[in-house]
PDB file of N, CA and C in Angstrom:
ATOM      1  N   GLN A   1     -36.959-120.193-194.260  1.00  0.00           N
ATOM      2  CA  GLN A   1     -38.061-119.306-194.093  1.00  0.00           C
ATOM      3  C   GLN A   1     -38.531-119.369-192.635  1.00  0.00           C
ATOM      4  N   VAL A   2     -38.553-118.224-192.014  1.00  0.00           N
ATOM      5  CA  VAL A   2     -39.008-118.143-190.627  1.00  0.00           C
ATOM      6  C   VAL A   2     -40.519-118.237-190.593  1.00  0.00           C
ATOM      7  N   GLN A   3     -41.022-119.027-189.684  1.00  0.00           N
ATOM      8  CA  GLN A   3     -42.465-119.148-189.533  1.00  0.00           C
ATOM      9  C   GLN A   3     -42.842-118.781-188.093  1.00  0.00           C
ATOM     10  N   LEU A   4     -43.878-117.974-187.992  1.00  0.00           N
ATOM     11  CA  LEU A   4     -44.447-117.578-186.703  1.00  0.00           C
ATOM     12  C   LEU A   4     -45.921-117.935-186.703  1.00  0.00           C
ATOM     13  N   VAL A   5     -46.347-118.709-185.729  1.00  0.00           N
ATOM     14  CA  VAL A   5     -47.720-119.149-185.684  1.00  0.00           C
ATOM     15  C   VAL A   5     -48.326-118.740-184.329  1.00  0.00           C
ATOM     16  N   GLU A   6     -49.326-117.866-184.409  1.00  0.00           N
ATOM     17  CA  GLU A   6     -49.955-117.337-183.218  1.00  0.00           C
ATOM     18  C   GLU A   6     -51.192-118.148-182.847  1.00  0.00           C
ATOM     19  N   SER A   7     -51.539-118.088-181.600  1.00  0.00           N
ATOM     20  CA  SER A   7     -52.753-118.737-181.116  1.00  0.00           C
ATOM     21  C   SER A   7     -53.197-118.038-179.833  1.00  0.00           C
ATOM     22  N   GLY A   8     -54.451-118.242-179.455  1.00  0.00           N
ATOM     23  CA  GLY A   8     -54.931-117.783-178.165  1.00  0.00           C
ATOM     24  C   GLY A   8     -55.874-116.579-178.195  1.00  0.00           C
ATOM     25  N   GLY A   9     -56.107-115.996-179.331  1.00  0.00           N
ATOM     26  CA  GLY A   9     -57.010-114.869-179.373  1.00  0.00           C
ATOM     27  C   GLY A   9     -58.444-115.284-179.122  1.00  0.00           C
ATOM     28  N   GLY A  10     -59.333-114.273-179.009  1.00  0.00           N
ATOM     29  CA  GLY A  10     -60.747-114.592-178.812  1.00  0.00           C
ATOM     30  C   GLY A  10     -61.496-113.412-178.277  1.00  0.00           C
ATOM     31  N   LEU A  11     -62.716-113.734-177.784  1.00  0.00           N
ATOM     32  CA  LEU A  11     -63.586-112.707-177.255  1.00  0.00           C
ATOM     33  C   LEU A  11     -63.632-112.852-175.751  1.00  0.00           C
ATOM     34  N   VAL A  12     -63.473-111.719-175.054  1.00  0.00           N
ATOM     35  CA  VAL A  12     -63.483-111.746-173.604  1.00  0.00           C
ATOM     36  C   VAL A  12     -64.146-110.486-173.088  1.00  0.00           C
ATOM     37  N   GLN A  13     -64.743-110.545-171.920  1.00  0.00           N
ATOM     38  CA  GLN A  13     -65.361-109.383-171.321  1.00  0.00           C
ATOM     39  C   GLN A  13     -64.277-108.511-170.666  1.00  0.00           C
ATOM     40  N   ALA A  14     -64.585-107.232-170.576  1.00  0.00           N
ATOM     41  CA  ALA A  14     -63.701-106.299-169.907  1.00  0.00           C
ATOM     42  C   ALA A  14     -63.381-106.802-168.497  1.00  0.00           C
ATOM     43  N   GLY A  15     -62.086-106.714-168.148  1.00  0.00           N
ATOM     44  CA  GLY A  15     -61.618-107.245-166.888  1.00  0.00           C
ATOM     45  C   GLY A  15     -61.133-108.641-166.937  1.00  0.00           C
ATOM     46  N   GLY A  16     -61.379-109.329-168.044  1.00  0.00           N
ATOM     47  CA  GLY A  16     -60.965-110.705-168.188  1.00  0.00           C
ATOM     48  C   GLY A  16     -59.526-110.850-168.627  1.00  0.00           C
ATOM     49  N   SER A  17     -59.138-112.070-168.910  1.00  0.00           N
ATOM     50  CA  SER A  17     -57.756-112.376-169.292  1.00  0.00           C
ATOM     51  C   SER A  17     -57.718-113.278-170.508  1.00  0.00           C
ATOM     52  N   LEU A  18     -56.629-113.137-171.224  1.00  0.00           N
ATOM     53  CA  LEU A  18     -56.316-114.038-172.362  1.00  0.00           C
ATOM     54  C   LEU A  18     -54.814-114.249-172.390  1.00  0.00           C
ATOM     55  N   LYS A  19     -54.420-115.375-172.916  1.00  0.00           N
ATOM     56  CA  LYS A  19     -52.978-115.623-173.092  1.00  0.00           C
ATOM     57  C   LYS A  19     -52.722-116.007-174.527  1.00  0.00           C
ATOM     58  N   LEU A  20     -51.903-115.212-175.189  1.00  0.00           N
ATOM     59  CA  LEU A  20     -51.510-115.453-176.558  1.00  0.00           C
ATOM     60  C   LEU A  20     -50.185-116.226-176.578  1.00  0.00           C
ATOM     61  N   ALA A  21     -50.022-117.034-177.606  1.00  0.00           N
ATOM     62  CA  ALA A  21     -48.779-117.762-177.822  1.00  0.00           C
ATOM     63  C   ALA A  21     -48.303-117.579-179.244  1.00  0.00           C
ATOM     64  N   CYS A  22     -47.017-117.596-179.440  1.00  0.00           N
ATOM     65  CA  CYS A  22     -46.439-117.497-180.772  1.00  0.00           C
ATOM     66  C   CYS A  22     -45.268-118.468-180.882  1.00  0.00           C
ATOM     67  N   ALA A  23     -45.448-119.465-181.702  1.00  0.00           N
ATOM     68  CA  ALA A  23     -44.405-120.480-181.915  1.00  0.00           C
ATOM     69  C   ALA A  23     -43.568-120.083-183.105  1.00  0.00           C
ATOM     70  N   ALA A  24     -42.249-120.060-182.924  1.00  0.00           N
ATOM     71  CA  ALA A  24     -41.323-119.697-183.995  1.00  0.00           C
ATOM     72  C   ALA A  24     -40.547-120.905-184.422  1.00  0.00           C
ATOM     73  N   SER A  25     -40.001-120.812-185.628  1.00  0.00           N
ATOM     74  CA  SER A  25     -39.223-121.922-186.175  1.00  0.00           C
ATOM     75  C   SER A  25     -37.807-121.901-185.671  1.00  0.00           C
ATOM     76  N   ALA A  26     -37.388-120.793-184.995  1.00  0.00           N
ATOM     77  CA  ALA A  26     -36.048-120.711-184.417  1.00  0.00           C
ATOM     78  C   ALA A  26     -36.072-119.671-183.289  1.00  0.00           C
ATOM     79  N   THR A  27     -34.961-119.437-182.637  1.00  0.00           N
ATOM     80  CA  THR A  27     -34.896-118.517-181.538  1.00  0.00           C
ATOM     81  C   THR A  27     -34.527-117.133-181.995  1.00  0.00           C
ATOM     82  N   TYR A  28     -35.385-116.140-181.707  1.00  0.00           N
ATOM     83  CA  TYR A  28     -35.182-114.779-182.080  1.00  0.00           C
ATOM     84  C   TYR A  28     -35.571-113.852-180.955  1.00  0.00           C
ATOM     85  N   HIS A  29     -35.207-112.612-181.071  1.00  0.00           N
ATOM     86  CA  HIS A  29     -35.822-111.588-180.228  1.00  0.00           C
ATOM     87  C   HIS A  29     -37.280-111.442-180.711  1.00  0.00           C
ATOM     88  N   MET A  30     -38.189-111.390-179.749  1.00  0.00           N
ATOM     89  CA  MET A  30     -39.610-111.467-180.102  1.00  0.00           C
ATOM     90  C   MET A  30     -40.399-110.308-179.518  1.00  0.00           C
ATOM     91  N   GLY A  31     -41.292-109.778-180.367  1.00  0.00           N
ATOM     92  CA  GLY A  31     -42.157-108.689-179.901  1.00  0.00           C
ATOM     93  C   GLY A  31     -43.608-108.997-180.219  1.00  0.00           C
ATOM     94  N   TRP A  32     -44.466-108.270-179.528  1.00  0.00           N
ATOM     95  CA  TRP A  32     -45.912-108.283-179.824  1.00  0.00           C
ATOM     96  C   TRP A  32     -46.322-106.854-180.207  1.00  0.00           C
ATOM     97  N   PHE A  33     -47.091-106.806-181.263  1.00  0.00           N
ATOM     98  CA  PHE A  33     -47.693-105.548-181.728  1.00  0.00           C
ATOM     99  C   PHE A  33     -49.206-105.751-181.879  1.00  0.00           C
ATOM    100  N   ARG A  34     -49.933-104.648-182.017  1.00  0.00           N
ATOM    101  CA  ARG A  34     -51.357-104.769-182.240  1.00  0.00           C
ATOM    102  C   ARG A  34     -51.811-103.662-183.198  1.00  0.00           C
ATOM    103  N   GLN A  35     -52.884-103.962-183.861  1.00  0.00           N
ATOM    104  CA  GLN A  35     -53.422-102.992-184.839  1.00  0.00           C
ATOM    105  C   GLN A  35     -54.946-103.058-184.777  1.00  0.00           C
ATOM    106  N   ALA A  36     -55.513-101.897-184.406  1.00  0.00           N
ATOM    107  CA  ALA A  36     -56.954-101.740-184.410  1.00  0.00           C
ATOM    108  C   ALA A  36     -57.392-101.179-185.756  1.00  0.00           C
ATOM    109  N   PRO A  37     -58.643-101.363-186.108  1.00  0.00           N
ATOM    110  CA  PRO A  37     -59.127-100.882-187.405  1.00  0.00           C
ATOM    111  C   PRO A  37     -58.867 -99.373-187.561  1.00  0.00           C
ATOM    112  N   GLY A  38     -58.286 -99.006-188.698  1.00  0.00           N
ATOM    113  CA  GLY A  38     -58.061 -97.595-188.973  1.00  0.00           C
ATOM    114  C   GLY A  38     -56.887 -96.994-188.269  1.00  0.00           C
ATOM    115  N   GLN A  39     -56.155 -97.804-187.537  1.00  0.00           N
ATOM    116  CA  GLN A  39     -55.022 -97.282-186.777  1.00  0.00           C
ATOM    117  C   GLN A  39     -53.725 -97.963-187.221  1.00  0.00           C
ATOM    118  N   GLU A  40     -52.623 -97.321-186.882  1.00  0.00           N
ATOM    119  CA  GLU A  40     -51.319 -97.902-187.205  1.00  0.00           C
ATOM    120  C   GLU A  40     -50.993 -99.008-186.264  1.00  0.00           C
ATOM    121  N   ARG A  41     -50.129 -99.878-186.690  1.00  0.00           N
ATOM    122  CA  ARG A  41     -49.656-100.955-185.838  1.00  0.00           C
ATOM    123  C   ARG A  41     -48.803-100.361-184.709  1.00  0.00           C
ATOM    124  N   GLU A  42     -49.095-100.785-183.509  1.00  0.00           N
ATOM    125  CA  GLU A  42     -48.401-100.210-182.344  1.00  0.00           C
ATOM    126  C   GLU A  42     -47.719-101.283-181.521  1.00  0.00           C
ATOM    127  N   PHE A  43     -46.614-100.876-180.919  1.00  0.00           N
ATOM    128  CA  PHE A  43     -45.827-101.757-180.069  1.00  0.00           C
ATOM    129  C   PHE A  43     -46.595-102.093-178.793  1.00  0.00           C
ATOM    130  N   VAL A  44     -46.450-103.352-178.364  1.00  0.00           N
ATOM    131  CA  VAL A  44     -47.065-103.784-177.103  1.00  0.00           C
ATOM    132  C   VAL A  44     -45.988-104.223-176.116  1.00  0.00           C
ATOM    133  N   ALA A  45     -45.126-105.183-176.527  1.00  0.00           N
ATOM    134  CA  ALA A  45     -44.117-105.697-175.603  1.00  0.00           C
ATOM    135  C   ALA A  45     -43.042-106.380-176.419  1.00  0.00           C
ATOM    136  N   VAL A  46     -41.875-106.546-175.800  1.00  0.00           N
ATOM    137  CA  VAL A  46     -40.739-107.197-176.448  1.00  0.00           C
ATOM    138  C   VAL A  46     -39.964-107.989-175.392  1.00  0.00           C
ATOM    139  N   ILE A  47     -39.317-109.039-175.846  1.00  0.00           N
ATOM    140  CA  ILE A  47     -38.405-109.798-174.963  1.00  0.00           C
ATOM    141  C   ILE A  47     -37.226-110.266-175.783  1.00  0.00           C
ATOM    142  N   TRP A  48     -36.063-109.994-175.254  1.00  0.00           N
ATOM    143  CA  TRP A  48     -34.842-110.437-175.917  1.00  0.00           C
ATOM    144  C   TRP A  48     -34.636-111.933-175.650  1.00  0.00           C
ATOM    145  N   TRP A  49     -34.035-112.650-176.618  1.00  0.00           N
ATOM    146  CA  TRP A  49     -33.912-114.086-176.449  1.00  0.00           C
ATOM    147  C   TRP A  49     -32.828-114.490-175.493  1.00  0.00           C
ATOM    148  N   ASP A  50     -31.787-113.630-175.364  1.00  0.00           N
ATOM    149  CA  ASP A  50     -30.615-114.064-174.592  1.00  0.00           C
ATOM    150  C   ASP A  50     -30.683-113.700-173.101  1.00  0.00           C
ATOM    151  N   ASP A  51     -30.994-112.437-172.788  1.00  0.00           N
ATOM    152  CA  ASP A  51     -31.008-112.060-171.405  1.00  0.00           C
ATOM    153  C   ASP A  51     -32.421-111.850-170.848  1.00  0.00           C
ATOM    154  N   TYR A  52     -33.435-112.113-171.693  1.00  0.00           N
ATOM    155  CA  TYR A  52     -34.828-112.039-171.292  1.00  0.00           C
ATOM    156  C   TYR A  52     -35.252-110.647-170.848  1.00  0.00           C
ATOM    157  N   THR A  53     -34.537-109.624-171.300  1.00  0.00           N
ATOM    158  CA  THR A  53     -34.958-108.264-171.028  1.00  0.00           C
ATOM    159  C   THR A  53     -36.312-107.990-171.668  1.00  0.00           C
ATOM    160  N   THR A  54     -37.165-107.296-170.960  1.00  0.00           N
ATOM    161  CA  THR A  54     -38.504-106.989-171.466  1.00  0.00           C
ATOM    162  C   THR A  54     -38.772-105.505-171.411  1.00  0.00           C
ATOM    163  N   TRP A  55     -39.611-105.033-172.329  1.00  0.00           N
ATOM    164  CA  TRP A  55     -40.093-103.655-172.317  1.00  0.00           C
ATOM    165  C   TRP A  55     -41.575-103.697-172.730  1.00  0.00           C
ATOM    166  N   TYR A  56     -42.332-102.747-172.195  1.00  0.00           N
ATOM    167  CA  TYR A  56     -43.768-102.700-172.456  1.00  0.00           C
ATOM    168  C   TYR A  56     -44.195-101.278-172.850  1.00  0.00           C
ATOM    169  N   ALA A  57     -45.239-101.241-173.633  1.00  0.00           N
ATOM    170  CA  ALA A  57     -45.917 -99.974-173.916  1.00  0.00           C
ATOM    171  C   ALA A  57     -46.554 -99.499-172.608  1.00  0.00           C
ATOM    172  N   ASP A  58     -46.595 -98.188-172.420  1.00  0.00           N
ATOM    173  CA  ASP A  58     -47.187 -97.644-171.213  1.00  0.00           C
ATOM    174  C   ASP A  58     -48.630 -98.076-171.059  1.00  0.00           C
ATOM    175  N   SER A  59     -49.358 -98.267-172.133  1.00  0.00           N
ATOM    176  CA  SER A  59     -50.771 -98.552-172.099  1.00  0.00           C
ATOM    177  C   SER A  59     -51.057 -99.974-171.557  1.00  0.00           C
ATOM    178  N   VAL A  60     -50.053-100.839-171.534  1.00  0.00           N
ATOM    179  CA  VAL A  60     -50.261-102.218-171.077  1.00  0.00           C
ATOM    180  C   VAL A  60     -49.436-102.558-169.876  1.00  0.00           C
ATOM    181  N   LYS A  61     -48.543-101.670-169.458  1.00  0.00           N
ATOM    182  CA  LYS A  61     -47.656-101.932-168.347  1.00  0.00           C
ATOM    183  C   LYS A  61     -48.449-102.251-167.068  1.00  0.00           C
ATOM    184  N   GLY A  62     -48.089-103.311-166.396  1.00  0.00           N
ATOM    185  CA  GLY A  62     -48.795-103.710-165.189  1.00  0.00           C
ATOM    186  C   GLY A  62     -49.948-104.627-165.445  1.00  0.00           C
ATOM    187  N   ARG A  63     -50.396-104.744-166.682  1.00  0.00           N
ATOM    188  CA  ARG A  63     -51.539-105.632-167.032  1.00  0.00           C
ATOM    189  C   ARG A  63     -51.086-106.795-167.911  1.00  0.00           C
ATOM    190  N   PHE A  64     -50.109-106.559-168.811  1.00  0.00           N
ATOM    191  CA  PHE A  64     -49.656-107.586-169.726  1.00  0.00           C
ATOM    192  C   PHE A  64     -48.263-108.080-169.272  1.00  0.00           C
ATOM    193  N   THR A  65     -47.995-109.350-169.517  1.00  0.00           N
ATOM    194  CA  THR A  65     -46.674-109.897-169.257  1.00  0.00           C
ATOM    195  C   THR A  65     -46.196-110.734-170.421  1.00  0.00           C
ATOM    196  N   ILE A  66     -45.018-110.405-170.921  1.00  0.00           N
ATOM    197  CA  ILE A  66     -44.442-111.180-172.020  1.00  0.00           C
ATOM    198  C   ILE A  66     -43.431-112.162-171.394  1.00  0.00           C
ATOM    199  N   SER A  67     -43.411-113.364-171.933  1.00  0.00           N
ATOM    200  CA  SER A  67     -42.457-114.389-171.449  1.00  0.00           C
ATOM    201  C   SER A  67     -42.125-115.304-172.626  1.00  0.00           C
ATOM    202  N   ARG A  68     -41.138-116.155-172.382  1.00  0.00           N
ATOM    203  CA  ARG A  68     -40.745-117.034-173.475  1.00  0.00           C
ATOM    204  C   ARG A  68     -40.187-118.331-172.949  1.00  0.00           C
ATOM    205  N   ASP A  69     -40.265-119.353-173.776  1.00  0.00           N
ATOM    206  CA  ASP A  69     -39.694-120.644-173.499  1.00  0.00           C
ATOM    207  C   ASP A  69     -38.777-120.946-174.674  1.00  0.00           C
ATOM    208  N   ASN A  70     -37.481-120.744-174.483  1.00  0.00           N
ATOM    209  CA  ASN A  70     -36.570-120.910-175.598  1.00  0.00           C
ATOM    210  C   ASN A  70     -36.478-122.369-176.041  1.00  0.00           C
ATOM    211  N   ALA A  71     -36.711-123.316-175.146  1.00  0.00           N
ATOM    212  CA  ALA A  71     -36.662-124.715-175.514  1.00  0.00           C
ATOM    213  C   ALA A  71     -37.775-125.046-176.517  1.00  0.00           C
ATOM    214  N   LYS A  72     -38.840-124.290-176.454  1.00  0.00           N
ATOM    215  CA  LYS A  72     -39.971-124.485-177.385  1.00  0.00           C
ATOM    216  C   LYS A  72     -40.025-123.410-178.490  1.00  0.00           C
ATOM    217  N   ASN A  73     -39.094-122.456-178.441  1.00  0.00           N
ATOM    218  CA  ASN A  73     -39.106-121.319-179.380  1.00  0.00           C
ATOM    219  C   ASN A  73     -40.490-120.651-179.382  1.00  0.00           C
ATOM    220  N   THR A  74     -41.041-120.470-178.202  1.00  0.00           N
ATOM    221  CA  THR A  74     -42.375-119.897-178.079  1.00  0.00           C
ATOM    222  C   THR A  74     -42.363-118.695-177.165  1.00  0.00           C
ATOM    223  N   VAL A  75     -43.090-117.682-177.554  1.00  0.00           N
ATOM    224  CA  VAL A  75     -43.232-116.488-176.747  1.00  0.00           C
ATOM    225  C   VAL A  75     -44.711-116.347-176.367  1.00  0.00           C
ATOM    226  N   TYR A  76     -44.979-115.850-175.190  1.00  0.00           N
ATOM    227  CA  TYR A  76     -46.319-115.726-174.654  1.00  0.00           C
ATOM    228  C   TYR A  76     -46.624-114.274-174.326  1.00  0.00           C
ATOM    229  N   LEU A  77     -47.916-113.948-174.372  1.00  0.00           N
ATOM    230  CA  LEU A  77     -48.363-112.635-173.900  1.00  0.00           C
ATOM    231  C   LEU A  77     -49.578-112.893-173.006  1.00  0.00           C
ATOM    232  N   GLN A  78     -49.357-112.805-171.700  1.00  0.00           N
ATOM    233  CA  GLN A  78     -50.442-112.910-170.742  1.00  0.00           C
ATOM    234  C   GLN A  78     -51.105-111.545-170.589  1.00  0.00           C
ATOM    235  N   MET A  79     -52.385-111.472-170.892  1.00  0.00           N
ATOM    236  CA  MET A  79     -53.097-110.194-170.855  1.00  0.00           C
ATOM    237  C   MET A  79     -54.158-110.270-169.776  1.00  0.00           C
ATOM    238  N   ASN A  80     -54.013-109.464-168.758  1.00  0.00           N
ATOM    239  CA  ASN A  80     -54.975-109.389-167.656  1.00  0.00           C
ATOM    240  C   ASN A  80     -55.668-108.035-167.630  1.00  0.00           C
ATOM    241  N   SER A  81     -56.742-107.963-166.894  1.00  0.00           N
ATOM    242  CA  SER A  81     -57.480-106.687-166.747  1.00  0.00           C
ATOM    243  C   SER A  81     -57.738-106.039-168.111  1.00  0.00           C
ATOM    244  N   LEU A  82     -58.196-106.823-169.041  1.00  0.00           N
ATOM    245  CA  LEU A  82     -58.388-106.331-170.409  1.00  0.00           C
ATOM    246  C   LEU A  82     -59.441-105.266-170.465  1.00  0.00           C
ATOM    247  N   LYS A  83     -59.231-104.322-171.363  1.00  0.00           N
ATOM    248  CA  LYS A  83     -60.110-103.187-171.582  1.00  0.00           C
ATOM    249  C   LYS A  83     -60.630-103.188-173.042  1.00  0.00           C
ATOM    250  N   PRO A  84     -61.771-102.582-173.284  1.00  0.00           N
ATOM    251  CA  PRO A  84     -62.257-102.519-174.663  1.00  0.00           C
ATOM    252  C   PRO A  84     -61.237-101.945-175.624  1.00  0.00           C
ATOM    253  N   GLU A  85     -60.447-100.985-175.148  1.00  0.00           N
ATOM    254  CA  GLU A  85     -59.442-100.377-176.015  1.00  0.00           C
ATOM    255  C   GLU A  85     -58.274-101.292-176.349  1.00  0.00           C
ATOM    256  N   ASP A  86     -58.229-102.464-175.729  1.00  0.00           N
ATOM    257  CA  ASP A  86     -57.205-103.459-176.096  1.00  0.00           C
ATOM    258  C   ASP A  86     -57.648-104.262-177.352  1.00  0.00           C
ATOM    259  N   THR A  87     -58.869-104.064-177.784  1.00  0.00           N
ATOM    260  CA  THR A  87     -59.359-104.772-178.961  1.00  0.00           C
ATOM    261  C   THR A  87     -58.516-104.444-180.182  1.00  0.00           C
ATOM    262  N   ALA A  88     -58.015-105.486-180.808  1.00  0.00           N
ATOM    263  CA  ALA A  88     -57.123-105.329-181.977  1.00  0.00           C
ATOM    264  C   ALA A  88     -56.743-106.683-182.536  1.00  0.00           C
ATOM    265  N   VAL A  89     -56.099-106.657-183.659  1.00  0.00           N
ATOM    266  CA  VAL A  89     -55.400-107.872-184.130  1.00  0.00           C
ATOM    267  C   VAL A  89     -53.998-107.812-183.556  1.00  0.00           C
ATOM    268  N   TYR A  90     -53.609-108.875-182.885  1.00  0.00           N
ATOM    269  CA  TYR A  90     -52.301-108.929-182.241  1.00  0.00           C
ATOM    270  C   TYR A  90     -51.358-109.769-183.116  1.00  0.00           C
ATOM    271  N   TYR A  91     -50.191-109.208-183.342  1.00  0.00           N
ATOM    272  CA  TYR A  91     -49.182-109.831-184.153  1.00  0.00           C
ATOM    273  C   TYR A  91     -47.897-110.108-183.358  1.00  0.00           C
ATOM    274  N   CYS A  92     -47.330-111.262-183.518  1.00  0.00           N
ATOM    275  CA  CYS A  92     -45.981-111.469-183.002  1.00  0.00           C
ATOM    276  C   CYS A  92     -44.991-111.210-184.106  1.00  0.00           C
ATOM    277  N   ALA A  93     -43.813-110.780-183.728  1.00  0.00           N
ATOM    278  CA  ALA A  93     -42.786-110.398-184.679  1.00  0.00           C
ATOM    279  C   ALA A  93     -41.438-110.877-184.151  1.00  0.00           C
ATOM    280  N   ALA A  94     -40.536-111.197-185.073  1.00  0.00           N
ATOM    281  CA  ALA A  94     -39.229-111.686-184.701  1.00  0.00           C
ATOM    282  C   ALA A  94     -38.128-110.895-185.384  1.00  0.00           C
ATOM    283  N   ALA A  95     -37.025-110.761-184.644  1.00  0.00           N
ATOM    284  CA  ALA A  95     -35.868-110.066-185.182  1.00  0.00           C
ATOM    285  C   ALA A  95     -34.623-110.845-184.829  1.00  0.00           C
ATOM    286  N   GLU A  96     -33.716-110.957-185.777  1.00  0.00           N
ATOM    287  CA  GLU A  96     -32.460-111.654-185.511  1.00  0.00           C
ATOM    288  C   GLU A  96     -31.526-110.776-184.687  1.00  0.00           C
ATOM    289  N   THR A  97     -31.542-109.472-184.938  1.00  0.00           N
ATOM    290  CA  THR A  97     -30.832-108.501-184.115  1.00  0.00           C
ATOM    291  C   THR A  97     -31.822-107.415-183.777  1.00  0.00           C
ATOM    292  N   LEU A  98     -31.630-106.861-182.557  1.00  0.00           N
ATOM    293  CA  LEU A  98     -32.588-105.839-182.091  1.00  0.00           C
ATOM    294  C   LEU A  98     -31.869-104.902-181.137  1.00  0.00           C
ATOM    295  N   SER A  99     -31.833-103.664-181.472  1.00  0.00           N
ATOM    296  CA  SER A  99     -31.161-102.672-180.607  1.00  0.00           C
ATOM    297  C   SER A  99     -32.154-102.089-179.609  1.00  0.00           C
ATOM    298  N   GLY A 100     -31.581-101.592-178.537  1.00  0.00           N
ATOM    299  CA  GLY A 100     -32.461-101.072-177.471  1.00  0.00           C
ATOM    300  C   GLY A 100     -33.187 -99.824-177.824  1.00  0.00           C
ATOM    301  N   ASN A 101     -32.862 -99.166-178.923  1.00  0.00           N
ATOM    302  CA  ASN A 101     -33.557 -97.939-179.275  1.00  0.00           C
ATOM    303  C   ASN A 101     -34.484 -98.121-180.458  1.00  0.00           C
ATOM    304  N   ARG A 102     -34.695 -99.373-180.886  1.00  0.00           N
ATOM    305  CA  ARG A 102     -35.603 -99.591-182.029  1.00  0.00           C
ATOM    306  C   ARG A 102     -36.661-100.632-181.751  1.00  0.00           C
ATOM    307  N   TYR A 103     -36.709-101.181-180.585  1.00  0.00           N
ATOM    308  CA  TYR A 103     -37.569-102.324-180.342  1.00  0.00           C
ATOM    309  C   TYR A 103     -39.044-102.000-180.535  1.00  0.00           C
ATOM    310  N   TYR A 104     -39.416-100.723-180.458  1.00  0.00           N
ATOM    311  CA  TYR A 104     -40.808-100.309-180.566  1.00  0.00           C
ATOM    312  C   TYR A 104     -41.208-100.029-182.017  1.00  0.00           C
ATOM    313  N   ASN A 105     -40.277-100.118-182.918  1.00  0.00           N
ATOM    314  CA  ASN A 105     -40.498 -99.801-184.342  1.00  0.00           C
ATOM    315  C   ASN A 105     -40.798-101.092-185.133  1.00  0.00           C
ATOM    316  N   PRO A 106     -41.960-101.201-185.742  1.00  0.00           N
ATOM    317  CA  PRO A 106     -42.260-102.421-186.513  1.00  0.00           C
ATOM    318  C   PRO A 106     -41.198-102.722-187.549  1.00  0.00           C
ATOM    319  N   ARG A 107     -40.521-101.696-188.073  1.00  0.00           N
ATOM    320  CA  ARG A 107     -39.523-101.913-189.132  1.00  0.00           C
ATOM    321  C   ARG A 107     -38.274-102.611-188.602  1.00  0.00           C
ATOM    322  N   ALA A 108     -38.132-102.712-187.306  1.00  0.00           N
ATOM    323  CA  ALA A 108     -36.998-103.393-186.717  1.00  0.00           C
ATOM    324  C   ALA A 108     -37.134-104.892-186.780  1.00  0.00           C
ATOM    325  N   TYR A 109     -38.303-105.406-187.136  1.00  0.00           N
ATOM    326  CA  TYR A 109     -38.599-106.825-187.126  1.00  0.00           C
ATOM    327  C   TYR A 109     -38.735-107.302-188.571  1.00  0.00           C
ATOM    328  N   GLY A 110     -38.096-108.424-188.857  1.00  0.00           N
ATOM    329  CA  GLY A 110     -38.096-108.929-190.213  1.00  0.00           C
ATOM    330  C   GLY A 110     -39.157-109.983-190.486  1.00  0.00           C
ATOM    331  N   TYR A 111     -39.743-110.489-189.427  1.00  0.00           N
ATOM    332  CA  TYR A 111     -40.673-111.622-189.584  1.00  0.00           C
ATOM    333  C   TYR A 111     -41.933-111.372-188.764  1.00  0.00           C
ATOM    334  N   TRP A 112     -43.077-111.757-189.357  1.00  0.00           N
ATOM    335  CA  TRP A 112     -44.351-111.495-188.706  1.00  0.00           C
ATOM    336  C   TRP A 112     -45.277-112.707-188.776  1.00  0.00           C
ATOM    337  N   GLY A 113     -46.069-112.850-187.729  1.00  0.00           N
ATOM    338  CA  GLY A 113     -47.110-113.856-187.743  1.00  0.00           C
ATOM    339  C   GLY A 113     -48.337-113.365-188.516  1.00  0.00           C
ATOM    340  N   GLN A 114     -49.310-114.209-188.592  1.00  0.00           N
ATOM    341  CA  GLN A 114     -50.521-113.912-189.386  1.00  0.00           C
ATOM    342  C   GLN A 114     -51.491-113.043-188.584  1.00  0.00           C
ATOM    343  N   GLY A 115     -51.315-112.933-187.289  1.00  0.00           N
ATOM    344  CA  GLY A 115     -52.198-112.138-186.482  1.00  0.00           C
ATOM    345  C   GLY A 115     -53.314-112.957-185.867  1.00  0.00           C
ATOM    346  N   THR A 116     -53.734-112.545-184.664  1.00  0.00           N
ATOM    347  CA  THR A 116     -54.869-113.186-183.993  1.00  0.00           C
ATOM    348  C   THR A 116     -55.738-112.097-183.377  1.00  0.00           C
ATOM    349  N   GLN A 117     -57.041-112.254-183.567  1.00  0.00           N
ATOM    350  CA  GLN A 117     -57.973-111.203-183.130  1.00  0.00           C
ATOM    351  C   GLN A 117     -58.240-111.311-181.661  1.00  0.00           C
ATOM    352  N   VAL A 118     -58.169-110.204-180.971  1.00  0.00           N
ATOM    353  CA  VAL A 118     -58.547-110.096-179.557  1.00  0.00           C
ATOM    354  C   VAL A 118     -59.672-109.069-179.500  1.00  0.00           C
ATOM    355  N   THR A 119     -60.793-109.476-178.965  1.00  0.00           N
ATOM    356  CA  THR A 119     -61.966-108.566-178.836  1.00  0.00           C
ATOM    357  C   THR A 119     -62.392-108.519-177.381  1.00  0.00           C
ATOM    358  N   VAL A 120     -62.425-107.303-176.836  1.00  0.00           N
ATOM    359  CA  VAL A 120     -62.807-107.132-175.433  1.00  0.00           C
ATOM    360  C   VAL A 120     -64.131-106.360-175.415  1.00  0.00           C
ATOM    361  N   SER A 121     -65.140-106.991-174.869  1.00  0.00           N
ATOM    362  CA  SER A 121     -66.490-106.367-174.826  1.00  0.00           C
ATOM    363  C   SER A 121     -66.633-105.617-173.525  1.00  0.00           C
ATOM    364  N   SER A 122     -67.407-104.551-173.590  1.00  0.00           N
ATOM    365  CA  SER A 122     -67.637-103.741-172.380  1.00  0.00           C
ATOM    366  C   SER A 122     -68.865-104.231-171.614  1.00  0.00           C
TER     367      SER A 122
END
């Protein structure tokens, strides 16, 4: 059973920073998604486990950075210049295989963390 444990969420003022972490029980391709109340879950960022390729949603590009430490099976999401519209529950997700044309689709990931709340006040 794959386990994903997230940490690092919280309350921050607009313009501030937070760093999320997701510890996995093994090495997988890892993504971050977020879901605001009443909205669908949306892609944030992804990193492949082997070549460390990354992709970002346009809404976070230049502000968020995804990284990973394969020795620790942990993926990170550094979030800078946070905006109130970044407020959501953030989920990490894992996939054993991941194609380049599906990484933004939640259905491409077989495993999910419990989510961590990020609240950005204005």
